[in-house]
Amino acid sequence: MPIKNKNLSFVLLALSLVFLPSAFANSDEVKINLLTQNFPPFSMATDGKNFAREESIDGIDADVVAELFKRAGIDYEMTLRFPWNRLQKLAEEKHGFAVFSLSRTPEREPKYKWVGPLSEIQIVLLKMPGSPIQLASLDDAKKYRIGSKDGSVGSQYLINRGFELHKSLIKTPDKLKAGQFDLWATTNPSGDYEAMQAGIGALEVALTLNRVDLYLALNKETPDEVIQKLQRTLDQMKQEGLLQMATQRYMNN
């Protein structure tokens, strides 16, 4: 009788190991659901809508991440959707999910495993070419009307510092050109890209407020083997100049 119990215990242990989640899975057995948002020129739907999959998504970071997973031999699906906060929550809470392009803040650091950086953004105040506005510091900007997209990195940066902003959901470069506000709080290269797409051309940087790296953030249950393989592959792609080439592909048109 004790022998039977011992054999039963052994069987149960073996079964428990078989059905363990993929903490011990190798990279060939992992599939990652990649989530992103409309964030030109880093990720965007080719039809301009707020939902897209796979080949219907392009952009600097979208191209880099797709090539990264292909080179690393890790299976993936890529989806563009909204809202952005919901995508971050999915990657944080759901095994097998990841999100890009995300800034790596102290608050977010423990919530994910990170691969990157993929690219860099500059939080800037933009002005029309030829504008006489001269800013030596952020305090100098307080006397001007500043427009920004609600919820953007640029708007949040200024709101946290006590600024009141003119909200702009669409056609922000056109509103800057029309004089509805004097400065545009945004990020580059996104601001430059949006102005080019609007036919306005290059805007001038009145003040650079901060520089932020953007990352691929993966669920914390992602095996370390996968994270290390992705990081090594990304580092190799950087050495080959592929990230710079992706930027030039979208910003030099």
C-alpha atoms as a PDB file:
ATOM      1  CA  MET A   1       0.000   0.000   0.000  1.00  0.00           C
ATOM      2  CA  PRO A   2       2.724   2.559   0.761  1.00  0.00           C
ATOM      3  CA  ILE A   3       4.398   1.652  -2.541  1.00  0.00           C
ATOM      4  CA  LYS A   4       1.214   2.508  -4.442  1.00  0.00           C
ATOM      5  CA  ASN A   5       1.008   5.878  -2.693  1.00  0.00           C
ATOM      6  CA  LYS A   6       4.629   6.555  -3.605  1.00  0.00           C
ATOM      7  CA  ASN A   7       3.971   5.673  -7.237  1.00  0.00           C
ATOM      8  CA  LEU A   8       0.885   7.879  -7.259  1.00  0.00           C
ATOM      9  CA  SER A   9       2.881  10.785  -5.858  1.00  0.00           C
ATOM     10  CA  PHE A  10       5.486  10.329  -8.561  1.00  0.00           C
ATOM     11  CA  VAL A  11       2.795  10.359 -11.286  1.00  0.00           C
ATOM     12  CA  LEU A  12       1.209  13.504  -9.886  1.00  0.00           C
ATOM     13  CA  LEU A  13       4.579  15.246  -9.743  1.00  0.00           C
ATOM     14  CA  ALA A  14       5.318  14.297 -13.337  1.00  0.00           C
ATOM     15  CA  LEU A  15       1.940  15.579 -14.473  1.00  0.00           C
ATOM     16  CA  SER A  16       2.416  18.849 -12.607  1.00  0.00           C
ATOM     17  CA  LEU A  17       5.698  19.432 -14.427  1.00  0.00           C
ATOM     18  CA  VAL A  18       4.085  18.734 -17.782  1.00  0.00           C
ATOM     19  CA  PHE A  19       1.371  21.278 -17.205  1.00  0.00           C
ATOM     20  CA  LEU A  20       3.523  24.017 -15.739  1.00  0.00           C
ATOM     21  CA  PRO A  21       3.102  27.348 -17.581  1.00  0.00           C
ATOM     22  CA  SER A  22       5.753  28.334 -20.068  1.00  0.00           C
ATOM     23  CA  ALA A  23       8.276  29.545 -17.486  1.00  0.00           C
ATOM     24  CA  PHE A  24      10.506  26.684 -18.671  1.00  0.00           C
ATOM     25  CA  ALA A  25       9.574  26.891 -22.354  1.00  0.00           C
ATOM     26  CA  ASN A  26      12.334  27.719 -24.798  1.00  0.00           C
ATOM     27  CA  SER A  27      12.066  30.539 -27.299  1.00  0.00           C
ATOM     28  CA  ASP A  28      10.910  28.179 -30.070  1.00  0.00           C
ATOM     29  CA  GLU A  29       7.763  27.355 -28.079  1.00  0.00           C
ATOM     30  CA  VAL A  30       6.789  30.952 -27.238  1.00  0.00           C
ATOM     31  CA  LYS A  31       4.326  33.154 -29.101  1.00  0.00           C
ATOM     32  CA  ILE A  32       4.062  36.854 -28.219  1.00  0.00           C
ATOM     33  CA  ASN A  33       1.029  39.025 -28.878  1.00  0.00           C
ATOM     34  CA  LEU A  34       2.496  42.421 -29.749  1.00  0.00           C
ATOM     35  CA  LEU A  35       0.269  45.431 -29.094  1.00  0.00           C
ATOM     36  CA  THR A  36       0.792  48.978 -30.326  1.00  0.00           C
ATOM     37  CA  GLN A  37      -1.113  52.184 -31.008  1.00  0.00           C
ATOM     38  CA  ASN A  38      -1.306  54.831 -33.724  1.00  0.00           C
ATOM     39  CA  PHE A  39       1.844  56.795 -32.887  1.00  0.00           C
ATOM     40  CA  PRO A  40       3.302  58.142 -36.160  1.00  0.00           C
ATOM     41  CA  PRO A  41       5.978  57.677 -37.311  1.00  0.00           C
ATOM     42  CA  PHE A  42       6.744  54.833 -34.876  1.00  0.00           C
ATOM     43  CA  SER A  43       3.603  52.748 -35.430  1.00  0.00           C
ATOM     44  CA  MET A  44       0.514  53.435 -37.518  1.00  0.00           C
ATOM     45  CA  ALA A  45      -2.256  51.759 -39.453  1.00  0.00           C
ATOM     46  CA  THR A  46      -1.738  51.993 -43.208  1.00  0.00           C
ATOM     47  CA  ASP A  47      -5.386  53.037 -43.637  1.00  0.00           C
ATOM     48  CA  GLY A  48      -5.222  55.620 -40.828  1.00  0.00           C
ATOM     49  CA  LYS A  49      -7.758  53.799 -38.669  1.00  0.00           C
ATOM     50  CA  ASN A  50      -7.445  52.719 -35.037  1.00  0.00           C
ATOM     51  CA  PHE A  51      -7.370  48.984 -35.701  1.00  0.00           C
ATOM     52  CA  ALA A  52      -4.962  47.011 -37.843  1.00  0.00           C
ATOM     53  CA  ARG A  53      -3.071  43.716 -37.934  1.00  0.00           C
ATOM     54  CA  GLU A  54       0.263  42.481 -39.278  1.00  0.00           C
ATOM     55  CA  GLU A  55       1.088  43.903 -42.749  1.00  0.00           C
ATOM     56  CA  SER A  56      -1.456  46.701 -42.268  1.00  0.00           C
ATOM     57  CA  ILE A  57       0.823  48.210 -39.597  1.00  0.00           C
ATOM     58  CA  ASP A  58       3.940  50.158 -40.465  1.00  0.00           C
ATOM     59  CA  GLY A  59       6.214  52.741 -38.865  1.00  0.00           C
ATOM     60  CA  ILE A  60       9.772  52.935 -37.560  1.00  0.00           C
ATOM     61  CA  ASP A  61       9.357  50.807 -34.440  1.00  0.00           C
ATOM     62  CA  ALA A  62       6.751  48.516 -36.000  1.00  0.00           C
ATOM     63  CA  ASP A  63       9.221  47.612 -38.758  1.00  0.00           C
ATOM     64  CA  VAL A  64      12.059  47.147 -36.265  1.00  0.00           C
ATOM     65  CA  VAL A  65      10.002  44.950 -33.914  1.00  0.00           C
ATOM     66  CA  ALA A  66       8.703  42.759 -36.753  1.00  0.00           C
ATOM     67  CA  GLU A  67      12.248  42.230 -38.057  1.00  0.00           C
ATOM     68  CA  LEU A  68      13.482  41.624 -34.503  1.00  0.00           C
ATOM     69  CA  PHE A  69      11.075  38.732 -33.902  1.00  0.00           C
ATOM     70  CA  LYS A  70      11.708  37.230 -37.327  1.00  0.00           C
ATOM     71  CA  ARG A  71      15.472  37.278 -36.802  1.00  0.00           C
ATOM     72  CA  ALA A  72      15.157  35.883 -33.285  1.00  0.00           C
ATOM     73  CA  GLY A  73      12.896  33.093 -34.565  1.00  0.00           C
ATOM     74  CA  ILE A  74      10.146  33.899 -32.064  1.00  0.00           C
ATOM     75  CA  ASP A  75       6.536  33.557 -33.194  1.00  0.00           C
ATOM     76  CA  TYR A  76       4.365  36.662 -32.852  1.00  0.00           C
ATOM     77  CA  GLU A  77       1.169  38.442 -33.824  1.00  0.00           C
ATOM     78  CA  MET A  78       1.023  42.231 -34.107  1.00  0.00           C
ATOM     79  CA  THR A  79      -2.123  44.256 -33.475  1.00  0.00           C
ATOM     80  CA  LEU A  80      -2.704  48.001 -33.489  1.00  0.00           C
ATOM     81  CA  ARG A  81      -5.654  49.179 -31.445  1.00  0.00           C
ATOM     82  CA  PHE A  82      -6.677  51.563 -28.664  1.00  0.00           C
ATOM     83  CA  PRO A  83      -6.982  52.813 -25.937  1.00  0.00           C
ATOM     84  CA  TRP A  84      -3.283  52.987 -25.070  1.00  0.00           C
ATOM     85  CA  ASN A  85      -3.799  52.537 -21.329  1.00  0.00           C
ATOM     86  CA  ARG A  86      -5.703  49.307 -21.971  1.00  0.00           C
ATOM     87  CA  LEU A  87      -2.876  47.921 -24.119  1.00  0.00           C
ATOM     88  CA  GLN A  88      -0.350  48.604 -21.363  1.00  0.00           C
ATOM     89  CA  LYS A  89      -2.613  46.852 -18.849  1.00  0.00           C
ATOM     90  CA  LEU A  90      -2.931  43.769 -21.062  1.00  0.00           C
ATOM     91  CA  ALA A  91       0.843  43.483 -21.398  1.00  0.00           C
ATOM     92  CA  GLU A  92       1.245  43.940 -17.671  1.00  0.00           C
ATOM     93  CA  GLU A  93      -1.351  41.371 -16.608  1.00  0.00           C
ATOM     94  CA  LYS A  94      -1.623  38.788 -19.387  1.00  0.00           C
ATOM     95  CA  HIS A  95       1.001  36.140 -20.087  1.00  0.00           C
ATOM     96  CA  GLY A  96       2.260  36.135 -23.677  1.00  0.00           C
ATOM     97  CA  PHE A  97       1.558  39.833 -24.313  1.00  0.00           C
ATOM     98  CA  ALA A  98       3.858  42.780 -24.969  1.00  0.00           C
ATOM     99  CA  VAL A  99       3.458  46.437 -25.861  1.00  0.00           C
ATOM    100  CA  PHE A 100       5.519  49.004 -27.797  1.00  0.00           C
ATOM    101  CA  SER A 101       6.635  51.810 -27.980  1.00  0.00           C
ATOM    102  CA  LEU A 102       6.674  52.516 -24.240  1.00  0.00           C
ATOM    103  CA  SER A 103       8.859  54.871 -22.211  1.00  0.00           C
ATOM    104  CA  ARG A 104      10.695  53.144 -19.363  1.00  0.00           C
ATOM    105  CA  THR A 105       9.755  55.230 -16.330  1.00  0.00           C
ATOM    106  CA  PRO A 106      10.564  54.367 -12.683  1.00  0.00           C
ATOM    107  CA  GLU A 107       6.863  53.698 -12.109  1.00  0.00           C
ATOM    108  CA  ARG A 108       6.651  51.232 -15.007  1.00  0.00           C
ATOM    109  CA  GLU A 109      10.034  49.567 -14.441  1.00  0.00           C
ATOM    110  CA  PRO A 110       8.851  46.703 -12.181  1.00  0.00           C
ATOM    111  CA  LYS A 111       5.732  45.961 -14.231  1.00  0.00           C
ATOM    112  CA  TYR A 112       7.426  44.498 -17.314  1.00  0.00           C
ATOM    113  CA  LYS A 113      10.536  42.911 -18.748  1.00  0.00           C
ATOM    114  CA  TRP A 114      12.239  45.301 -21.159  1.00  0.00           C
ATOM    115  CA  VAL A 115      13.975  45.080 -24.530  1.00  0.00           C
ATOM    116  CA  GLY A 116      15.477  48.156 -26.137  1.00  0.00           C
ATOM    117  CA  PRO A 117      15.741  50.954 -26.574  1.00  0.00           C
ATOM    118  CA  LEU A 118      14.016  50.870 -29.936  1.00  0.00           C
ATOM    119  CA  SER A 119      14.153  54.613 -30.567  1.00  0.00           C
ATOM    120  CA  GLU A 120      14.287  57.998 -28.883  1.00  0.00           C
ATOM    121  CA  ILE A 121      11.835  60.866 -28.700  1.00  0.00           C
ATOM    122  CA  GLN A 122      12.417  64.451 -27.679  1.00  0.00           C
ATOM    123  CA  ILE A 123       9.695  66.321 -25.804  1.00  0.00           C
ATOM    124  CA  VAL A 124       9.703  69.701 -27.528  1.00  0.00           C
ATOM    125  CA  LEU A 125       7.938  73.007 -28.000  1.00  0.00           C
ATOM    126  CA  LEU A 126       7.615  73.646 -31.733  1.00  0.00           C
ATOM    127  CA  LYS A 127       6.980  76.946 -33.493  1.00  0.00           C
ATOM    128  CA  MET A 128       6.331  78.044 -37.065  1.00  0.00           C
ATOM    129  CA  PRO A 129       9.428  78.811 -39.145  1.00  0.00           C
ATOM    130  CA  GLY A 130      10.288  82.481 -38.825  1.00  0.00           C
ATOM    131  CA  SER A 131       8.464  82.899 -35.513  1.00  0.00           C
ATOM    132  CA  PRO A 132      10.211  85.516 -33.320  1.00  0.00           C
ATOM    133  CA  ILE A 133       9.624  83.461 -30.155  1.00  0.00           C
ATOM    134  CA  GLN A 134      12.868  82.844 -28.278  1.00  0.00           C
ATOM    135  CA  LEU A 135      12.903  80.569 -25.214  1.00  0.00           C
ATOM    136  CA  ALA A 136      15.845  80.251 -22.854  1.00  0.00           C
ATOM    137  CA  SER A 137      13.903  78.165 -20.327  1.00  0.00           C
ATOM    138  CA  LEU A 138      10.490  76.641 -19.754  1.00  0.00           C
ATOM    139  CA  ASP A 139       9.496  79.644 -17.635  1.00  0.00           C
ATOM    140  CA  ASP A 140       9.814  81.821 -20.741  1.00  0.00           C
ATOM    141  CA  ALA A 141       7.016  79.783 -22.369  1.00  0.00           C
ATOM    142  CA  LYS A 142       4.426  80.757 -19.755  1.00  0.00           C
ATOM    143  CA  LYS A 143       3.527  83.968 -21.580  1.00  0.00           C
ATOM    144  CA  TYR A 144       2.591  82.113 -24.772  1.00  0.00           C
ATOM    145  CA  ARG A 145      -0.431  80.069 -25.816  1.00  0.00           C
ATOM    146  CA  ILE A 146       0.553  76.412 -26.000  1.00  0.00           C
ATOM    147  CA  GLY A 147      -1.432  73.745 -27.832  1.00  0.00           C
ATOM    148  CA  SER A 148      -1.118  69.999 -27.404  1.00  0.00           C
ATOM    149  CA  LYS A 149      -2.977  66.764 -27.954  1.00  0.00           C
ATOM    150  CA  ASP A 150      -4.842  65.733 -24.830  1.00  0.00           C
ATOM    151  CA  GLY A 151      -3.112  62.816 -23.093  1.00  0.00           C
ATOM    152  CA  SER A 152       0.112  63.094 -25.085  1.00  0.00           C
ATOM    153  CA  VAL A 153       3.567  62.916 -23.516  1.00  0.00           C
ATOM    154  CA  GLY A 154       4.105  66.597 -24.288  1.00  0.00           C
ATOM    155  CA  SER A 155       0.847  67.710 -22.720  1.00  0.00           C
ATOM    156  CA  GLN A 156       1.385  65.611 -19.597  1.00  0.00           C
ATOM    157  CA  TYR A 157       4.897  66.995 -19.161  1.00  0.00           C
ATOM    158  CA  LEU A 158       3.589  70.576 -19.091  1.00  0.00           C
ATOM    159  CA  ILE A 159       0.425  69.883 -17.091  1.00  0.00           C
ATOM    160  CA  ASN A 160       2.580  68.309 -14.379  1.00  0.00           C
ATOM    161  CA  ARG A 161       4.451  71.619 -14.252  1.00  0.00           C
ATOM    162  CA  GLY A 162       1.352  73.757 -13.880  1.00  0.00           C
ATOM    163  CA  PHE A 163       0.736  74.826 -17.490  1.00  0.00           C
ATOM    164  CA  GLU A 164      -2.733  75.334 -18.961  1.00  0.00           C
ATOM    165  CA  LEU A 165      -2.937  74.102 -22.524  1.00  0.00           C
ATOM    166  CA  HIS A 166      -5.160  74.533 -25.563  1.00  0.00           C
ATOM    167  CA  LYS A 167      -6.406  71.027 -26.356  1.00  0.00           C
ATOM    168  CA  SER A 168      -6.114  69.838 -29.919  1.00  0.00           C
ATOM    169  CA  LEU A 169      -7.338  66.422 -31.051  1.00  0.00           C
ATOM    170  CA  ILE A 170      -6.766  66.709 -34.801  1.00  0.00           C
ATOM    171  CA  LYS A 171      -4.850  68.813 -37.341  1.00  0.00           C
ATOM    172  CA  THR A 172      -2.604  70.340 -34.700  1.00  0.00           C
ATOM    173  CA  PRO A 173       0.050  71.606 -37.183  1.00  0.00           C
ATOM    174  CA  ASP A 174      -2.702  73.399 -39.133  1.00  0.00           C
ATOM    175  CA  LYS A 175      -3.889  75.087 -35.947  1.00  0.00           C
ATOM    176  CA  LEU A 176      -0.350  76.211 -35.143  1.00  0.00           C
ATOM    177  CA  LYS A 177      -0.021  77.649 -38.656  1.00  0.00           C
ATOM    178  CA  ALA A 178      -3.410  79.392 -38.315  1.00  0.00           C
ATOM    179  CA  GLY A 179      -2.277  81.097 -35.098  1.00  0.00           C
ATOM    180  CA  GLN A 180      -4.727  79.375 -32.760  1.00  0.00           C
ATOM    181  CA  PHE A 181      -1.753  78.965 -30.414  1.00  0.00           C
ATOM    182  CA  ASP A 182       1.892  80.070 -30.458  1.00  0.00           C
ATOM    183  CA  LEU A 183       3.695  76.859 -29.531  1.00  0.00           C
ATOM    184  CA  TRP A 184       2.979  73.169 -29.932  1.00  0.00           C
ATOM    185  CA  ALA A 185       3.950  70.816 -27.102  1.00  0.00           C
ATOM    186  CA  THR A 186       4.674  67.469 -28.731  1.00  0.00           C
ATOM    187  CA  THR A 187       7.446  64.982 -29.389  1.00  0.00           C
ATOM    188  CA  ASN A 188       9.912  64.700 -32.228  1.00  0.00           C
ATOM    189  CA  PRO A 189      10.172  63.053 -34.667  1.00  0.00           C
ATOM    190  CA  SER A 190       6.376  62.700 -34.366  1.00  0.00           C
ATOM    191  CA  GLY A 191       5.770  66.446 -34.627  1.00  0.00           C
ATOM    192  CA  ASP A 192       7.998  66.797 -37.679  1.00  0.00           C
ATOM    193  CA  TYR A 193       6.341  63.786 -39.324  1.00  0.00           C
ATOM    194  CA  GLU A 194       2.827  65.102 -38.686  1.00  0.00           C
ATOM    195  CA  ALA A 195       3.739  68.545 -40.032  1.00  0.00           C
ATOM    196  CA  MET A 196       5.194  66.977 -43.192  1.00  0.00           C
ATOM    197  CA  GLN A 197       2.063  64.879 -43.692  1.00  0.00           C
ATOM    198  CA  ALA A 198      -0.037  68.031 -43.334  1.00  0.00           C
ATOM    199  CA  GLY A 199       1.972  69.719 -46.093  1.00  0.00           C
ATOM    200  CA  ILE A 200       3.312  72.398 -43.756  1.00  0.00           C
ATOM    201  CA  GLY A 201       6.928  71.275 -43.856  1.00  0.00           C
ATOM    202  CA  ALA A 202       9.535  71.358 -41.126  1.00  0.00           C
ATOM    203  CA  LEU A 203       8.754  73.264 -37.933  1.00  0.00           C
ATOM    204  CA  GLU A 204      11.344  74.873 -35.671  1.00  0.00           C
ATOM    205  CA  VAL A 205      12.216  73.647 -32.191  1.00  0.00           C
ATOM    206  CA  ALA A 206      11.705  76.515 -29.754  1.00  0.00           C
ATOM    207  CA  LEU A 207      12.811  74.440 -26.749  1.00  0.00           C
ATOM    208  CA  THR A 208      13.740  70.828 -26.054  1.00  0.00           C
ATOM    209  CA  LEU A 209      12.292  69.800 -22.692  1.00  0.00           C
ATOM    210  CA  ASN A 210      13.459  66.211 -22.320  1.00  0.00           C
ATOM    211  CA  ARG A 211      14.693  63.120 -24.149  1.00  0.00           C
ATOM    212  CA  VAL A 212      13.007  59.751 -23.655  1.00  0.00           C
ATOM    213  CA  ASP A 213      13.920  56.265 -24.893  1.00  0.00           C
ATOM    214  CA  LEU A 214      11.151  53.982 -26.166  1.00  0.00           C
ATOM    215  CA  TYR A 215      11.125  50.233 -25.457  1.00  0.00           C
ATOM    216  CA  LEU A 216       9.395  46.942 -26.083  1.00  0.00           C
ATOM    217  CA  ALA A 217       7.770  45.992 -22.764  1.00  0.00           C
ATOM    218  CA  LEU A 218       6.900  42.319 -22.240  1.00  0.00           C
ATOM    219  CA  ASN A 219       4.815  40.579 -19.614  1.00  0.00           C
ATOM    220  CA  LYS A 220       6.906  39.629 -16.578  1.00  0.00           C
ATOM    221  CA  GLU A 221       6.170  35.922 -17.094  1.00  0.00           C
ATOM    222  CA  THR A 222       8.073  35.982 -20.385  1.00  0.00           C
ATOM    223  CA  PRO A 223      11.036  33.568 -20.024  1.00  0.00           C
ATOM    224  CA  ASP A 224      14.383  35.280 -19.437  1.00  0.00           C
ATOM    225  CA  GLU A 225      15.764  33.229 -22.335  1.00  0.00           C
ATOM    226  CA  VAL A 226      13.364  35.030 -24.682  1.00  0.00           C
ATOM    227  CA  ILE A 227      14.244  38.469 -23.299  1.00  0.00           C
ATOM    228  CA  GLN A 228      17.968  37.813 -23.650  1.00  0.00           C
ATOM    229  CA  LYS A 229      17.592  36.484 -27.183  1.00  0.00           C
ATOM    230  CA  LEU A 230      15.556  39.510 -28.251  1.00  0.00           C
ATOM    231  CA  GLN A 231      18.031  41.932 -26.692  1.00  0.00           C
ATOM    232  CA  ARG A 232      21.021  40.245 -28.338  1.00  0.00           C
ATOM    233  CA  THR A 233      19.253  40.300 -31.697  1.00  0.00           C
ATOM    234  CA  LEU A 234      18.296  43.968 -31.332  1.00  0.00           C
ATOM    235  CA  ASP A 235      21.879  44.885 -30.410  1.00  0.00           C
ATOM    236  CA  GLN A 236      23.077  43.123 -33.568  1.00  0.00           C
ATOM    237  CA  MET A 237      20.505  44.987 -35.675  1.00  0.00           C
ATOM    238  CA  LYS A 238      21.790  48.270 -34.243  1.00  0.00           C
ATOM    239  CA  GLN A 239      25.350  47.368 -35.166  1.00  0.00           C
ATOM    240  CA  GLU A 240      24.193  46.725 -38.732  1.00  0.00           C
ATOM    241  CA  GLY A 241      22.523  50.158 -38.874  1.00  0.00           C
ATOM    242  CA  LEU A 242      19.031  48.739 -39.381  1.00  0.00           C
ATOM    243  CA  LEU A 243      17.371  51.008 -36.797  1.00  0.00           C
ATOM    244  CA  GLN A 244      18.826  54.105 -38.432  1.00  0.00           C
ATOM    245  CA  MET A 245      17.706  52.853 -41.841  1.00  0.00           C
ATOM    246  CA  ALA A 246      14.141  52.385 -40.527  1.00  0.00           C
ATOM    247  CA  THR A 247      14.109  55.990 -39.290  1.00  0.00           C
ATOM    248  CA  GLN A 248      15.387  57.321 -42.607  1.00  0.00           C
ATOM    249  CA  ARG A 249      12.749  55.338 -44.486  1.00  0.00           C
ATOM    250  CA  TYR A 250       9.944  57.320 -42.840  1.00  0.00           C
ATOM    251  CA  MET A 251      11.543  60.687 -42.104  1.00  0.00           C
ATOM    252  CA  ASN A 252      13.267  61.372 -45.436  1.00  0.00           C
ATOM    253  CA  ASN A 253      10.200  61.038 -47.642  1.00  0.00           C
END
